[in-house]
């Protein structure tokens, strides 16, 4: 049920995108305790992004999950920022992450919801 969407203006070739998908798909369950079989990752490259008046490398992420705690969000922020800094050379102060804790009744899957 965790969903992580990455938007960045960094150039991502097919190999790097595939590697990031795999790394994020392992990172999210590690930090949330949710099974990887429920984790969904999306990566979008967007050349038209601006942060603090600059088009220097940046990232905006949305992370949604059922039962996401503030401590998990904090740990995810640290891990995601470290990964994006390492893989994409994005300074950690140019990364925004929006976390959402979604009620189980409002997360649909397999023709029903988790609630």
PDB file of N, CA and C in Angstrom:
ATOM      1  N   UNK A   1       0.774  -1.192   0.000  1.00  0.00           N
ATOM      2  CA  UNK A   1       0.000   0.000   0.000  1.00  0.00           C
ATOM      3  C   UNK A   1       0.825   1.271   0.000  1.00  0.00           C
ATOM      4  N   UNK A   2       2.096   1.238   0.388  1.00  0.00           N
ATOM      5  CA  UNK A   2       2.864   2.477   0.224  1.00  0.00           C
ATOM      6  C   UNK A   2       3.050   2.819  -1.258  1.00  0.00           C
ATOM      7  N   UNK A   3       2.879   4.084  -1.566  1.00  0.00           N
ATOM      8  CA  UNK A   3       3.109   4.597  -2.910  1.00  0.00           C
ATOM      9  C   UNK A   3       4.096   5.742  -2.810  1.00  0.00           C
ATOM     10  N   UNK A   4       5.161   5.664  -3.597  1.00  0.00           N
ATOM     11  CA  UNK A   4       6.173   6.715  -3.628  1.00  0.00           C
ATOM     12  C   UNK A   4       6.315   7.200  -5.060  1.00  0.00           C
ATOM     13  N   UNK A   5       6.114   8.493  -5.257  1.00  0.00           N
ATOM     14  CA  UNK A   5       6.228   9.102  -6.575  1.00  0.00           C
ATOM     15  C   UNK A   5       7.356  10.123  -6.529  1.00  0.00           C
ATOM     16  N   UNK A   6       8.323   9.949  -7.430  1.00  0.00           N
ATOM     17  CA  UNK A   6       9.474  10.845  -7.533  1.00  0.00           C
ATOM     18  C   UNK A   6       9.358  11.671  -8.811  1.00  0.00           C
ATOM     19  N   UNK A   7       9.414  12.979  -8.663  1.00  0.00           N
ATOM     20  CA  UNK A   7       9.516  13.898  -9.796  1.00  0.00           C
ATOM     21  C   UNK A   7      10.854  14.609  -9.675  1.00  0.00           C
ATOM     22  N   UNK A   8      11.621  14.635 -10.750  1.00  0.00           N
ATOM     23  CA  UNK A   8      12.921  15.285 -10.720  1.00  0.00           C
ATOM     24  C   UNK A   8      13.246  15.892 -12.079  1.00  0.00           C
ATOM     25  N   UNK A   9      14.096  16.904 -12.049  1.00  0.00           N
ATOM     26  CA  UNK A   9      14.580  17.475 -13.308  1.00  0.00           C
ATOM     27  C   UNK A   9      15.938  16.891 -13.687  1.00  0.00           C
ATOM     28  N   UNK A  10      16.431  15.949 -12.891  1.00  0.00           N
ATOM     29  CA  UNK A  10      17.687  15.271 -13.214  1.00  0.00           C
ATOM     30  C   UNK A  10      17.483  14.365 -14.420  1.00  0.00           C
ATOM     31  N   UNK A  11      18.521  14.250 -15.236  1.00  0.00           N
ATOM     32  CA  UNK A  11      18.460  13.382 -16.412  1.00  0.00           C
ATOM     33  C   UNK A  11      18.567  11.930 -15.954  1.00  0.00           C
ATOM     34  N   UNK A  12      17.603  11.120 -16.369  1.00  0.00           N
ATOM     35  CA  UNK A  12      17.559   9.716 -15.974  1.00  0.00           C
ATOM     36  C   UNK A  12      17.523   8.836 -17.212  1.00  0.00           C
ATOM     37  N   UNK A  13      18.595   8.096 -17.452  1.00  0.00           N
ATOM     38  CA  UNK A  13      18.538   7.139 -18.545  1.00  0.00           C
ATOM     39  C   UNK A  13      17.803   5.889 -18.050  1.00  0.00           C
ATOM     40  N   UNK A  14      17.513   4.988 -18.942  1.00  0.00           N
ATOM     41  CA  UNK A  14      16.721   3.804 -18.620  1.00  0.00           C
ATOM     42  C   UNK A  14      17.369   2.970 -17.518  1.00  0.00           C
ATOM     43  N   UNK A  15      18.673   2.812 -17.580  1.00  0.00           N
ATOM     44  CA  UNK A  15      19.381   2.003 -16.578  1.00  0.00           C
ATOM     45  C   UNK A  15      19.299   2.630 -15.195  1.00  0.00           C
ATOM     46  N   UNK A  16      19.529   3.941 -15.107  1.00  0.00           N
ATOM     47  CA  UNK A  16      19.476   4.631 -13.817  1.00  0.00           C
ATOM     48  C   UNK A  16      18.060   4.613 -13.258  1.00  0.00           C
ATOM     49  N   UNK A  17      17.079   4.810 -14.109  1.00  0.00           N
ATOM     50  CA  UNK A  17      15.685   4.788 -13.665  1.00  0.00           C
ATOM     51  C   UNK A  17      15.331   3.405 -13.102  1.00  0.00           C
ATOM     52  N   UNK A  18      15.758   2.368 -13.780  1.00  0.00           N
ATOM     53  CA  UNK A  18      15.493   1.003 -13.327  1.00  0.00           C
ATOM     54  C   UNK A  18      16.174   0.730 -11.982  1.00  0.00           C
ATOM     55  N   UNK A  19      17.406   1.191 -11.849  1.00  0.00           N
ATOM     56  CA  UNK A  19      18.145   0.999 -10.600  1.00  0.00           C
ATOM     57  C   UNK A  19      17.454   1.734  -9.446  1.00  0.00           C
ATOM     58  N   UNK A  20      17.026   2.974  -9.692  1.00  0.00           N
ATOM     59  CA  UNK A  20      16.333   3.753  -8.663  1.00  0.00           C
ATOM     60  C   UNK A  20      15.014   3.099  -8.265  1.00  0.00           C
ATOM     61  N   UNK A  21      14.263   2.602  -9.250  1.00  0.00           N
ATOM     62  CA  UNK A  21      13.011   1.911  -8.950  1.00  0.00           C
ATOM     63  C   UNK A  21      13.253   0.766  -7.964  1.00  0.00           C
ATOM     64  N   UNK A  22      14.265  -0.039  -8.256  1.00  0.00           N
ATOM     65  CA  UNK A  22      14.583  -1.178  -7.393  1.00  0.00           C
ATOM     66  C   UNK A  22      15.033  -0.753  -6.006  1.00  0.00           C
ATOM     67  N   UNK A  23      15.884   0.257  -5.945  1.00  0.00           N
ATOM     68  CA  UNK A  23      16.386   0.713  -4.639  1.00  0.00           C
ATOM     69  C   UNK A  23      15.270   1.326  -3.798  1.00  0.00           C
ATOM     70  N   UNK A  24      14.417   2.116  -4.413  1.00  0.00           N
ATOM     71  CA  UNK A  24      13.305   2.720  -3.670  1.00  0.00           C
ATOM     72  C   UNK A  24      12.293   1.656  -3.254  1.00  0.00           C
ATOM     73  N   UNK A  25      12.098   0.638  -4.090  1.00  0.00           N
ATOM     74  CA  UNK A  25      11.168  -0.439  -3.773  1.00  0.00           C
ATOM     75  C   UNK A  25      11.649  -1.274  -2.583  1.00  0.00           C
ATOM     76  N   UNK A  26      12.943  -1.266  -2.314  1.00  0.00           N
ATOM     77  CA  UNK A  26      13.488  -1.960  -1.142  1.00  0.00           C
ATOM     78  C   UNK A  26      13.567  -1.030   0.065  1.00  0.00           C
ATOM     79  N   UNK A  27      13.819   0.250  -0.185  1.00  0.00           N
ATOM     80  CA  UNK A  27      13.962   1.226   0.899  1.00  0.00           C
ATOM     81  C   UNK A  27      12.635   1.448   1.629  1.00  0.00           C
ATOM     82  N   UNK A  28      11.546   1.598   0.887  1.00  0.00           N
ATOM     83  CA  UNK A  28      10.248   1.888   1.502  1.00  0.00           C
ATOM     84  C   UNK A  28       9.817   0.787   2.478  1.00  0.00           C
ATOM     85  N   UNK A  29       9.859  -0.489   2.108  1.00  0.00           N
ATOM     86  CA  UNK A  29       9.481  -1.525   3.079  1.00  0.00           C
ATOM     87  C   UNK A  29      10.418  -1.573   4.285  1.00  0.00           C
ATOM     88  N   UNK A  30      11.685  -1.310   4.038  1.00  0.00           N
ATOM     89  CA  UNK A  30      12.654  -1.317   5.143  1.00  0.00           C
ATOM     90  C   UNK A  30      12.286  -0.280   6.192  1.00  0.00           C
ATOM     91  N   UNK A  31      11.854   0.900   5.753  1.00  0.00           N
ATOM     92  CA  UNK A  31      11.553   1.994   6.677  1.00  0.00           C
ATOM     93  C   UNK A  31      10.126   1.953   7.221  1.00  0.00           C
ATOM     94  N   UNK A  32       9.208   1.284   6.521  1.00  0.00           N
ATOM     95  CA  UNK A  32       7.810   1.268   6.961  1.00  0.00           C
ATOM     96  C   UNK A  32       7.376  -0.056   7.570  1.00  0.00           C
ATOM     97  N   UNK A  33       8.119  -1.128   7.284  1.00  0.00           N
ATOM     98  CA  UNK A  33       7.721  -2.444   7.762  1.00  0.00           C
ATOM     99  C   UNK A  33       6.620  -3.080   6.928  1.00  0.00           C
ATOM    100  N   UNK A  34       6.264  -2.443   5.814  1.00  0.00           N
ATOM    101  CA  UNK A  34       5.229  -2.980   4.924  1.00  0.00           C
ATOM    102  C   UNK A  34       5.875  -3.954   3.929  1.00  0.00           C
ATOM    103  N   UNK A  35       5.149  -4.989   3.509  1.00  0.00           N
ATOM    104  CA  UNK A  35       5.709  -5.933   2.535  1.00  0.00           C
ATOM    105  C   UNK A  35       5.952  -5.267   1.182  1.00  0.00           C
ATOM    106  N   UNK A  36       7.071  -5.612   0.541  1.00  0.00           N
ATOM    107  CA  UNK A  36       7.388  -5.038  -0.766  1.00  0.00           C
ATOM    108  C   UNK A  36       6.311  -5.376  -1.796  1.00  0.00           C
ATOM    109  N   UNK A  37       5.610  -6.462  -1.616  1.00  0.00           N
ATOM    110  CA  UNK A  37       4.590  -6.848  -2.599  1.00  0.00           C
ATOM    111  C   UNK A  37       3.471  -5.816  -2.709  1.00  0.00           C
ATOM    112  N   UNK A  38       3.337  -4.915  -1.716  1.00  0.00           N
ATOM    113  CA  UNK A  38       2.325  -3.863  -1.751  1.00  0.00           C
ATOM    114  C   UNK A  38       2.894  -2.497  -2.137  1.00  0.00           C
ATOM    115  N   UNK A  39       4.198  -2.402  -2.319  1.00  0.00           N
ATOM    116  CA  UNK A  39       4.853  -1.117  -2.584  1.00  0.00           C
ATOM    117  C   UNK A  39       4.791  -0.781  -4.071  1.00  0.00           C
ATOM    118  N   UNK A  40       4.397   0.459  -4.378  1.00  0.00           N
ATOM    119  CA  UNK A  40       4.364   0.955  -5.749  1.00  0.00           C
ATOM    120  C   UNK A  40       5.268   2.186  -5.836  1.00  0.00           C
ATOM    121  N   UNK A  41       6.120   2.219  -6.852  1.00  0.00           N
ATOM    122  CA  UNK A  41       7.057   3.316  -7.065  1.00  0.00           C
ATOM    123  C   UNK A  41       6.828   3.886  -8.461  1.00  0.00           C
ATOM    124  N   UNK A  42       6.849   5.203  -8.565  1.00  0.00           N
ATOM    125  CA  UNK A  42       6.729   5.880  -9.852  1.00  0.00           C
ATOM    126  C   UNK A  42       7.839   6.930  -9.940  1.00  0.00           C
ATOM    127  N   UNK A  43       8.489   6.987 -11.099  1.00  0.00           N
ATOM    128  CA  UNK A  43       9.538   7.985 -11.325  1.00  0.00           C
ATOM    129  C   UNK A  43       9.218   8.747 -12.600  1.00  0.00           C
ATOM    130  N   UNK A  44       9.206  10.061 -12.481  1.00  0.00           N
ATOM    131  CA  UNK A  44       8.945  10.915 -13.625  1.00  0.00           C
ATOM    132  C   UNK A  44      10.040  11.958 -13.753  1.00  0.00           C
ATOM    133  N   UNK A  45      10.580  12.083 -14.942  1.00  0.00           N
ATOM    134  CA  UNK A  45      11.557  13.132 -15.231  1.00  0.00           C
ATOM    135  C   UNK A  45      10.802  14.308 -15.827  1.00  0.00           C
ATOM    136  N   UNK A  46      11.039  15.501 -15.273  1.00  0.00           N
ATOM    137  CA  UNK A  46      10.341  16.692 -15.712  1.00  0.00           C
ATOM    138  C   UNK A  46      11.351  17.828 -15.845  1.00  0.00           C
ATOM    139  N   UNK A  47      11.661  18.203 -17.075  1.00  0.00           N
ATOM    140  CA  UNK A  47      12.638  19.266 -17.309  1.00  0.00           C
ATOM    141  C   UNK A  47      12.162  20.617 -16.811  1.00  0.00           C
ATOM    142  N   UNK A  48      10.856  20.816 -16.707  1.00  0.00           N
ATOM    143  CA  UNK A  48      10.297  22.114 -16.326  1.00  0.00           C
ATOM    144  C   UNK A  48      10.026  22.165 -14.827  1.00  0.00           C
ATOM    145  N   UNK A  49      11.088  22.147 -14.034  1.00  0.00           N
ATOM    146  CA  UNK A  49      10.969  22.255 -12.586  1.00  0.00           C
ATOM    147  C   UNK A  49      11.913  23.345 -12.092  1.00  0.00           C
ATOM    148  N   UNK A  50      11.444  24.122 -11.124  1.00  0.00           N
ATOM    149  CA  UNK A  50      12.202  25.238 -10.565  1.00  0.00           C
ATOM    150  C   UNK A  50      12.044  25.211  -9.054  1.00  0.00           C
ATOM    151  N   UNK A  51      13.124  25.407  -8.327  1.00  0.00           N
ATOM    152  CA  UNK A  51      13.081  25.464  -6.862  1.00  0.00           C
ATOM    153  C   UNK A  51      14.011  26.574  -6.409  1.00  0.00           C
ATOM    154  N   UNK A  52      13.511  27.466  -5.587  1.00  0.00           N
ATOM    155  CA  UNK A  52      14.285  28.596  -5.070  1.00  0.00           C
ATOM    156  C   UNK A  52      14.877  29.433  -6.211  1.00  0.00           C
ATOM    157  N   UNK A  53      14.108  29.561  -7.292  1.00  0.00           N
ATOM    158  CA  UNK A  53      14.532  30.369  -8.428  1.00  0.00           C
ATOM    159  C   UNK A  53      15.609  29.754  -9.288  1.00  0.00           C
ATOM    160  N   UNK A  54      15.875  28.453  -9.096  1.00  0.00           N
ATOM    161  CA  UNK A  54      16.962  27.780  -9.809  1.00  0.00           C
ATOM    162  C   UNK A  54      16.477  26.473 -10.430  1.00  0.00           C
ATOM    163  N   UNK A  55      17.038  26.152 -11.591  1.00  0.00           N
ATOM    164  CA  UNK A  55      16.751  24.872 -12.237  1.00  0.00           C
ATOM    165  C   UNK A  55      17.826  23.830 -11.931  1.00  0.00           C
ATOM    166  N   UNK A  56      18.675  24.100 -10.952  1.00  0.00           N
ATOM    167  CA  UNK A  56      19.673  23.110 -10.520  1.00  0.00           C
ATOM    168  C   UNK A  56      18.937  21.833 -10.108  1.00  0.00           C
ATOM    169  N   UNK A  57      19.627  20.683 -10.087  1.00  0.00           N
ATOM    170  CA  UNK A  57      18.978  19.417  -9.754  1.00  0.00           C
ATOM    171  C   UNK A  57      18.116  19.504  -8.490  1.00  0.00           C
ATOM    172  N   UNK A  58      16.905  18.943  -8.608  1.00  0.00           N
ATOM    173  CA  UNK A  58      15.946  18.974  -7.501  1.00  0.00           C
ATOM    174  C   UNK A  58      15.045  17.763  -7.592  1.00  0.00           C
ATOM    175  N   UNK A  59      14.305  17.528  -6.519  1.00  0.00           N
ATOM    176  CA  UNK A  59      13.338  16.431  -6.508  1.00  0.00           C
ATOM    177  C   UNK A  59      12.163  16.795  -5.622  1.00  0.00           C
ATOM    178  N   UNK A  60      10.993  16.372  -6.056  1.00  0.00           N
ATOM    179  CA  UNK A  60       9.768  16.458  -5.255  1.00  0.00           C
ATOM    180  C   UNK A  60       9.189  15.056  -5.213  1.00  0.00           C
ATOM    181  N   UNK A  61       8.885  14.581  -4.014  1.00  0.00           N
ATOM    182  CA  UNK A  61       8.336  13.243  -3.855  1.00  0.00           C
ATOM    183  C   UNK A  61       7.043  13.294  -3.066  1.00  0.00           C
ATOM    184  N   UNK A  62       6.155  12.350  -3.378  1.00  0.00           N
ATOM    185  CA  UNK A  62       4.949  12.124  -2.601  1.00  0.00           C
ATOM    186  C   UNK A  62       5.018  10.695  -2.084  1.00  0.00           C
ATOM    187  N   UNK A  63       4.838  10.548  -0.789  1.00  0.00           N
ATOM    188  CA  UNK A  63       4.862   9.220  -0.171  1.00  0.00           C
ATOM    189  C   UNK A  63       3.565   9.051   0.612  1.00  0.00           C
ATOM    190  N   UNK A  64       2.754   8.084   0.190  1.00  0.00           N
ATOM    191  CA  UNK A  64       1.461   7.833   0.829  1.00  0.00           C
ATOM    192  C   UNK A  64       1.420   6.394   1.310  1.00  0.00           C
ATOM    193  N   UNK A  65       0.851   6.207   2.492  1.00  0.00           N
ATOM    194  CA  UNK A  65       0.741   4.854   3.017  1.00  0.00           C
ATOM    195  C   UNK A  65      -0.310   4.801   4.115  1.00  0.00           C
ATOM    196  N   UNK A  66      -0.826   3.633   4.333  1.00  0.00           N
ATOM    197  CA  UNK A  66      -1.717   3.392   5.463  1.00  0.00           C
ATOM    198  C   UNK A  66      -0.848   3.255   6.709  1.00  0.00           C
ATOM    199  N   UNK A  67      -1.219   3.941   7.765  1.00  0.00           N
ATOM    200  CA  UNK A  67      -0.529   3.793   9.041  1.00  0.00           C
ATOM    201  C   UNK A  67       0.873   4.375   9.088  1.00  0.00           C
ATOM    202  N   UNK A  68       1.147   5.374   8.272  1.00  0.00           N
ATOM    203  CA  UNK A  68       2.471   5.998   8.252  1.00  0.00           C
ATOM    204  C   UNK A  68       2.634   6.883   9.484  1.00  0.00           C
ATOM    205  N   UNK A  69       3.635   6.603  10.295  1.00  0.00           N
ATOM    206  CA  UNK A  69       3.869   7.384  11.510  1.00  0.00           C
ATOM    207  C   UNK A  69       4.859   8.519  11.236  1.00  0.00           C
ATOM    208  N   UNK A  70       4.898   9.473  12.135  1.00  0.00           N
ATOM    209  CA  UNK A  70       5.830  10.594  11.977  1.00  0.00           C
ATOM    210  C   UNK A  70       7.282  10.122  12.077  1.00  0.00           C
ATOM    211  N   UNK A  71       7.550   9.119  12.890  1.00  0.00           N
ATOM    212  CA  UNK A  71       8.929   8.613  12.982  1.00  0.00           C
ATOM    213  C   UNK A  71       9.322   7.880  11.698  1.00  0.00           C
ATOM    214  N   UNK A  72       8.385   7.151  11.092  1.00  0.00           N
ATOM    215  CA  UNK A  72       8.670   6.499   9.817  1.00  0.00           C
ATOM    216  C   UNK A  72       8.913   7.542   8.731  1.00  0.00           C
ATOM    217  N   UNK A  73       8.116   8.617   8.734  1.00  0.00           N
ATOM    218  CA  UNK A  73       8.306   9.684   7.753  1.00  0.00           C
ATOM    219  C   UNK A  73       9.687  10.312   7.907  1.00  0.00           C
ATOM    220  N   UNK A  74      10.101  10.534   9.126  1.00  0.00           N
ATOM    221  CA  UNK A  74      11.419  11.123   9.383  1.00  0.00           C
ATOM    222  C   UNK A  74      12.534  10.200   8.887  1.00  0.00           C
ATOM    223  N   UNK A  75      12.414   8.911   9.158  1.00  0.00           N
ATOM    224  CA  UNK A  75      13.415   7.944   8.698  1.00  0.00           C
ATOM    225  C   UNK A  75      13.416   7.821   7.180  1.00  0.00           C
ATOM    226  N   UNK A  76      12.218   7.821   6.589  1.00  0.00           N
ATOM    227  CA  UNK A  76      12.124   7.777   5.130  1.00  0.00           C
ATOM    228  C   UNK A  76      12.767   9.014   4.516  1.00  0.00           C
ATOM    229  N   UNK A  77      12.532  10.172   5.089  1.00  0.00           N
ATOM    230  CA  UNK A  77      13.114  11.408   4.570  1.00  0.00           C
ATOM    231  C   UNK A  77      14.634  11.316   4.555  1.00  0.00           C
ATOM    232  N   UNK A  78      15.210  10.855   5.648  1.00  0.00           N
ATOM    233  CA  UNK A  78      16.669  10.726   5.721  1.00  0.00           C
ATOM    234  C   UNK A  78      17.187   9.735   4.673  1.00  0.00           C
ATOM    235  N   UNK A  79      16.537   8.581   4.576  1.00  0.00           N
ATOM    236  CA  UNK A  79      16.996   7.544   3.644  1.00  0.00           C
ATOM    237  C   UNK A  79      16.824   7.957   2.181  1.00  0.00           C
ATOM    238  N   UNK A  80      15.680   8.545   1.856  1.00  0.00           N
ATOM    239  CA  UNK A  80      15.419   8.971   0.483  1.00  0.00           C
ATOM    240  C   UNK A  80      16.371  10.086   0.078  1.00  0.00           C
ATOM    241  N   UNK A  81      16.550  11.074   0.955  1.00  0.00           N
ATOM    242  CA  UNK A  81      17.452  12.185   0.635  1.00  0.00           C
ATOM    243  C   UNK A  81      18.884  11.696   0.427  1.00  0.00           C
ATOM    244  N   UNK A  82      19.318  10.766   1.257  1.00  0.00           N
ATOM    245  CA  UNK A  82      20.660  10.201   1.104  1.00  0.00           C
ATOM    246  C   UNK A  82      20.796   9.479  -0.234  1.00  0.00           C
ATOM    247  N   UNK A  83      19.800   8.672  -0.580  1.00  0.00           N
ATOM    248  CA  UNK A  83      19.829   7.922  -1.838  1.00  0.00           C
ATOM    249  C   UNK A  83      19.857   8.870  -3.044  1.00  0.00           C
ATOM    250  N   UNK A  84      19.002   9.880  -3.049  1.00  0.00           N
ATOM    251  CA  UNK A  84      18.951  10.797  -4.189  1.00  0.00           C
ATOM    252  C   UNK A  84      20.201  11.655  -4.283  1.00  0.00           C
ATOM    253  N   UNK A  85      20.792  11.966  -3.145  1.00  0.00           N
ATOM    254  CA  UNK A  85      22.057  12.698  -3.162  1.00  0.00           C
ATOM    255  C   UNK A  85      23.161  11.829  -3.751  1.00  0.00           C
ATOM    256  N   UNK A  86      23.192  10.563  -3.371  1.00  0.00           N
ATOM    257  CA  UNK A  86      24.206   9.630  -3.856  1.00  0.00           C
ATOM    258  C   UNK A  86      24.018   9.303  -5.337  1.00  0.00           C
ATOM    259  N   UNK A  87      22.796   8.947  -5.731  1.00  0.00           N
ATOM    260  CA  UNK A  87      22.538   8.484  -7.096  1.00  0.00           C
ATOM    261  C   UNK A  87      22.398   9.613  -8.119  1.00  0.00           C
ATOM    262  N   UNK A  88      21.790  10.743  -7.708  1.00  0.00           N
ATOM    263  CA  UNK A  88      21.494  11.813  -8.661  1.00  0.00           C
ATOM    264  C   UNK A  88      22.242  13.115  -8.370  1.00  0.00           C
ATOM    265  N   UNK A  89      23.054  13.119  -7.324  1.00  0.00           N
ATOM    266  CA  UNK A  89      23.803  14.320  -6.909  1.00  0.00           C
ATOM    267  C   UNK A  89      22.886  15.508  -6.635  1.00  0.00           C
ATOM    268  N   UNK A  90      21.703  15.225  -6.115  1.00  0.00           N
ATOM    269  CA  UNK A  90      20.788  16.292  -5.716  1.00  0.00           C
ATOM    270  C   UNK A  90      21.097  16.657  -4.266  1.00  0.00           C
ATOM    271  N   UNK A  91      21.429  17.920  -4.014  1.00  0.00           N
ATOM    272  CA  UNK A  91      21.662  18.329  -2.622  1.00  0.00           C
ATOM    273  C   UNK A  91      20.397  18.075  -1.794  1.00  0.00           C
ATOM    274  N   UNK A  92      20.590  17.628  -0.568  1.00  0.00           N
ATOM    275  CA  UNK A  92      19.449  17.269   0.264  1.00  0.00           C
ATOM    276  C   UNK A  92      18.539  18.460   0.547  1.00  0.00           C
ATOM    277  N   UNK A  93      19.066  19.675   0.482  1.00  0.00           N
ATOM    278  CA  UNK A  93      18.228  20.846   0.718  1.00  0.00           C
ATOM    279  C   UNK A  93      17.467  21.279  -0.543  1.00  0.00           C
ATOM    280  N   UNK A  94      17.539  20.459  -1.590  1.00  0.00           N
ATOM    281  CA  UNK A  94      16.757  20.711  -2.812  1.00  0.00           C
ATOM    282  C   UNK A  94      15.778  19.551  -3.064  1.00  0.00           C
ATOM    283  N   UNK A  95      15.409  18.889  -1.982  1.00  0.00           N
ATOM    284  CA  UNK A  95      14.468  17.771  -2.040  1.00  0.00           C
ATOM    285  C   UNK A  95      13.314  18.053  -1.086  1.00  0.00           C
ATOM    286  N   UNK A  96      12.105  18.036  -1.626  1.00  0.00           N
ATOM    287  CA  UNK A  96      10.887  18.118  -0.815  1.00  0.00           C
ATOM    288  C   UNK A  96      10.189  16.773  -0.873  1.00  0.00           C
ATOM    289  N   UNK A  97       9.659  16.340   0.271  1.00  0.00           N
ATOM    290  CA  UNK A  97       8.893  15.098   0.326  1.00  0.00           C
ATOM    291  C   UNK A  97       7.589  15.381   1.068  1.00  0.00           C
ATOM    292  N   UNK A  98       6.483  15.056   0.434  1.00  0.00           N
ATOM    293  CA  UNK A  98       5.171  15.193   1.073  1.00  0.00           C
ATOM    294  C   UNK A  98       4.726  13.811   1.537  1.00  0.00           C
ATOM    295  N   UNK A  99       4.505  13.665   2.833  1.00  0.00           N
ATOM    296  CA  UNK A  99       4.064  12.396   3.403  1.00  0.00           C
ATOM    297  C   UNK A  99       2.575  12.460   3.722  1.00  0.00           C
ATOM    298  N   UNK A 100       1.864  11.376   3.435  1.00  0.00           N
ATOM    299  CA  UNK A 100       0.438  11.287   3.735  1.00  0.00           C
ATOM    300  C   UNK A 100       0.137   9.948   4.385  1.00  0.00           C
ATOM    301  N   UNK A 101      -0.583  10.007   5.500  1.00  0.00           N
ATOM    302  CA  UNK A 101      -1.067   8.809   6.169  1.00  0.00           C
ATOM    303  C   UNK A 101      -2.517   8.636   5.746  1.00  0.00           C
ATOM    304  N   UNK A 102      -2.791   7.622   4.960  1.00  0.00           N
ATOM    305  CA  UNK A 102      -4.117   7.408   4.395  1.00  0.00           C
ATOM    306  C   UNK A 102      -4.882   6.379   5.229  1.00  0.00           C
ATOM    307  N   UNK A 103      -6.134   6.666   5.588  1.00  0.00           N
ATOM    308  CA  UNK A 103      -6.933   5.661   6.296  1.00  0.00           C
ATOM    309  C   UNK A 103      -7.142   4.415   5.424  1.00  0.00           C
ATOM    310  N   UNK A 104      -7.142   3.270   6.039  1.00  0.00           N
ATOM    311  CA  UNK A 104      -7.289   1.999   5.316  1.00  0.00           C
ATOM    312  C   UNK A 104      -8.590   1.945   4.507  1.00  0.00           C
ATOM    313  N   UNK A 105      -9.629   2.595   5.004  1.00  0.00           N
ATOM    314  CA  UNK A 105     -10.917   2.610   4.291  1.00  0.00           C
ATOM    315  C   UNK A 105     -10.856   3.392   2.986  1.00  0.00           C
ATOM    316  N   UNK A 106      -9.830   4.225   2.824  1.00  0.00           N
ATOM    317  CA  UNK A 106      -9.708   5.055   1.635  1.00  0.00           C
ATOM    318  C   UNK A 106      -8.555   4.632   0.737  1.00  0.00           C
ATOM    319  N   UNK A 107      -8.106   3.393   0.877  1.00  0.00           N
ATOM    320  CA  UNK A 107      -7.052   2.860   0.010  1.00  0.00           C
ATOM    321  C   UNK A 107      -7.604   1.608  -0.641  1.00  0.00           C
ATOM    322  N   UNK A 108      -7.912   1.718  -1.938  1.00  0.00           N
ATOM    323  CA  UNK A 108      -8.511   0.607  -2.657  1.00  0.00           C
ATOM    324  C   UNK A 108      -7.474  -0.352  -3.217  1.00  0.00           C
ATOM    325  N   UNK A 109      -7.849  -1.607  -3.287  1.00  0.00           N
ATOM    326  CA  UNK A 109      -6.987  -2.653  -3.847  1.00  0.00           C
ATOM    327  C   UNK A 109      -7.830  -3.901  -4.075  1.00  0.00           C
ATOM    328  N   UNK A 110      -7.611  -4.545  -5.167  1.00  0.00           N
ATOM    329  CA  UNK A 110      -8.203  -5.845  -5.459  1.00  0.00           C
ATOM    330  C   UNK A 110      -9.729  -5.836  -5.353  1.00  0.00           C
ATOM    331  N   UNK A 111     -10.343  -4.746  -5.816  1.00  0.00           N
ATOM    332  CA  UNK A 111     -11.785  -4.660  -5.837  1.00  0.00           C
ATOM    333  C   UNK A 111     -12.427  -4.256  -4.524  1.00  0.00           C
ATOM    334  N   UNK A 112     -11.622  -3.903  -3.532  1.00  0.00           N
ATOM    335  CA  UNK A 112     -12.156  -3.493  -2.247  1.00  0.00           C
ATOM    336  C   UNK A 112     -11.230  -2.434  -1.653  1.00  0.00           C
ATOM    337  N   UNK A 113     -11.184  -2.347  -0.345  1.00  0.00           N
ATOM    338  CA  UNK A 113     -10.239  -1.459   0.354  1.00  0.00           C
ATOM    339  C   UNK A 113      -9.530  -2.271   1.429  1.00  0.00           C
ATOM    340  N   UNK A 114      -8.543  -1.656   2.053  1.00  0.00           N
ATOM    341  CA  UNK A 114      -7.824  -2.339   3.133  1.00  0.00           C
ATOM    342  C   UNK A 114      -8.562  -2.217   4.464  1.00  0.00           C
ATOM    343  N   UNK A 115      -9.619  -1.408   4.520  1.00  0.00           N
ATOM    344  CA  UNK A 115     -10.351  -1.182   5.776  1.00  0.00           C
ATOM    345  C   UNK A 115     -11.522  -2.096   5.961  1.00  0.00           C
TER     346      UNK A 115
END
